[in-house]
Amino acid sequence: MADNTEMKENIPEQEGKSIAMEIFQELKSTIRKLWIAIFILIALLAGTNIYHIYQWSQFESAEF
């Protein structure tokens, strides 16, 4: 009978841990998606900077 009571007492604790693990997994997933978005934005920024430098290099300098 004592074993049955101990099992019932541990159930809410185990449910709390599973909820915490679900939240943790969701947080990890969200952070991973944000890092991917950050890297994409940095790559796009670098690409626009390189294109801008390329465009400005197309102008011929004035000859005096």
C-alpha atoms as a PDB file:
ATOM      1  CA  MET A   1       0.000   0.000   0.000  1.00  0.00           C
ATOM      2  CA  ALA A   2       2.872   2.369   0.745  1.00  0.00           C
ATOM      3  CA  ASP A   3       4.360   1.761  -2.702  1.00  0.00           C
ATOM      4  CA  ASN A   4       1.102   2.780  -4.377  1.00  0.00           C
ATOM      5  CA  THR A   5       1.011   6.046  -2.408  1.00  0.00           C
ATOM      6  CA  GLU A   6       4.581   6.870  -3.351  1.00  0.00           C
ATOM      7  CA  MET A   7       3.793   6.371  -7.030  1.00  0.00           C
ATOM      8  CA  LYS A   8       0.802   8.712  -6.830  1.00  0.00           C
ATOM      9  CA  GLU A   9       2.903  11.386  -5.152  1.00  0.00           C
ATOM     10  CA  ASN A  10       5.518  11.260  -7.924  1.00  0.00           C
ATOM     11  CA  ILE A  11       3.045  11.645 -10.799  1.00  0.00           C
ATOM     12  CA  PRO A  12       2.612  15.453 -10.590  1.00  0.00           C
ATOM     13  CA  GLU A  13       6.378  15.880 -10.332  1.00  0.00           C
ATOM     14  CA  GLN A  14       6.914  13.780 -13.464  1.00  0.00           C
ATOM     15  CA  GLU A  15       4.210  15.725 -15.330  1.00  0.00           C
ATOM     16  CA  GLY A  16       5.907  18.963 -14.323  1.00  0.00           C
ATOM     17  CA  LYS A  17       9.200  17.697 -15.690  1.00  0.00           C
ATOM     18  CA  SER A  18       7.605  16.677 -18.979  1.00  0.00           C
ATOM     19  CA  ILE A  19       5.966  20.083 -19.345  1.00  0.00           C
ATOM     20  CA  ALA A  20       9.294  21.744 -18.586  1.00  0.00           C
ATOM     21  CA  MET A  21      11.007  19.552 -21.181  1.00  0.00           C
ATOM     22  CA  GLU A  22       8.364  20.434 -23.777  1.00  0.00           C
ATOM     23  CA  ILE A  23       8.862  24.146 -23.088  1.00  0.00           C
ATOM     24  CA  PHE A  24      12.635  23.697 -23.229  1.00  0.00           C
ATOM     25  CA  GLN A  25      12.439  21.860 -26.576  1.00  0.00           C
ATOM     26  CA  GLU A  26      10.156  24.571 -27.964  1.00  0.00           C
ATOM     27  CA  LEU A  27      12.575  27.243 -26.770  1.00  0.00           C
ATOM     28  CA  LYS A  28      15.517  25.460 -28.402  1.00  0.00           C
ATOM     29  CA  SER A  29      13.576  25.201 -31.647  1.00  0.00           C
ATOM     30  CA  THR A  30      12.661  28.888 -31.574  1.00  0.00           C
ATOM     31  CA  ILE A  31      16.233  29.951 -30.842  1.00  0.00           C
ATOM     32  CA  ARG A  32      17.534  27.747 -33.670  1.00  0.00           C
ATOM     33  CA  LYS A  33      15.067  29.365 -36.093  1.00  0.00           C
ATOM     34  CA  LEU A  34      16.101  32.831 -34.941  1.00  0.00           C
ATOM     35  CA  TRP A  35      19.797  32.038 -35.472  1.00  0.00           C
ATOM     36  CA  ILE A  36      19.024  30.807 -38.987  1.00  0.00           C
ATOM     37  CA  ALA A  37      17.130  34.043 -39.683  1.00  0.00           C
ATOM     38  CA  ILE A  38      20.050  36.092 -38.321  1.00  0.00           C
ATOM     39  CA  PHE A  39      22.566  34.278 -40.541  1.00  0.00           C
ATOM     40  CA  ILE A  40      20.338  34.755 -43.598  1.00  0.00           C
ATOM     41  CA  LEU A  41      20.010  38.472 -42.862  1.00  0.00           C
ATOM     42  CA  ILE A  42      23.776  38.821 -42.392  1.00  0.00           C
ATOM     43  CA  ALA A  43      24.373  37.015 -45.707  1.00  0.00           C
ATOM     44  CA  LEU A  44      21.901  39.305 -47.468  1.00  0.00           C
ATOM     45  CA  LEU A  45      23.528  42.368 -45.939  1.00  0.00           C
ATOM     46  CA  ALA A  46      26.963  41.207 -47.089  1.00  0.00           C
ATOM     47  CA  GLY A  47      25.549  40.507 -50.551  1.00  0.00           C
ATOM     48  CA  THR A  48      24.051  43.977 -50.882  1.00  0.00           C
ATOM     49  CA  ASN A  49      27.318  45.541 -49.700  1.00  0.00           C
ATOM     50  CA  ILE A  50      29.312  43.595 -52.275  1.00  0.00           C
ATOM     51  CA  TYR A  51      26.820  44.538 -55.000  1.00  0.00           C
ATOM     52  CA  HIS A  52      27.010  48.186 -53.955  1.00  0.00           C
ATOM     53  CA  ILE A  53      30.817  48.126 -54.148  1.00  0.00           C
ATOM     54  CA  TYR A  54      30.579  46.457 -57.567  1.00  0.00           C
ATOM     55  CA  GLN A  55      28.159  49.094 -58.841  1.00  0.00           C
ATOM     56  CA  TRP A  56      30.329  51.976 -57.658  1.00  0.00           C
ATOM     57  CA  SER A  57      33.393  50.376 -59.227  1.00  0.00           C
ATOM     58  CA  GLN A  58      31.635  50.518 -62.626  1.00  0.00           C
ATOM     59  CA  PHE A  59      31.844  54.323 -62.739  1.00  0.00           C
ATOM     60  CA  GLU A  60      34.807  55.637 -64.588  1.00  0.00           C
ATOM     61  CA  SER A  61      36.784  58.191 -62.690  1.00  0.00           C
ATOM     62  CA  ALA A  62      37.039  61.619 -64.253  1.00  0.00           C
ATOM     63  CA  GLU A  63      40.284  62.228 -66.085  1.00  0.00           C
ATOM     64  CA  PHE A  64      41.875  65.609 -65.626  1.00  0.00           C
END
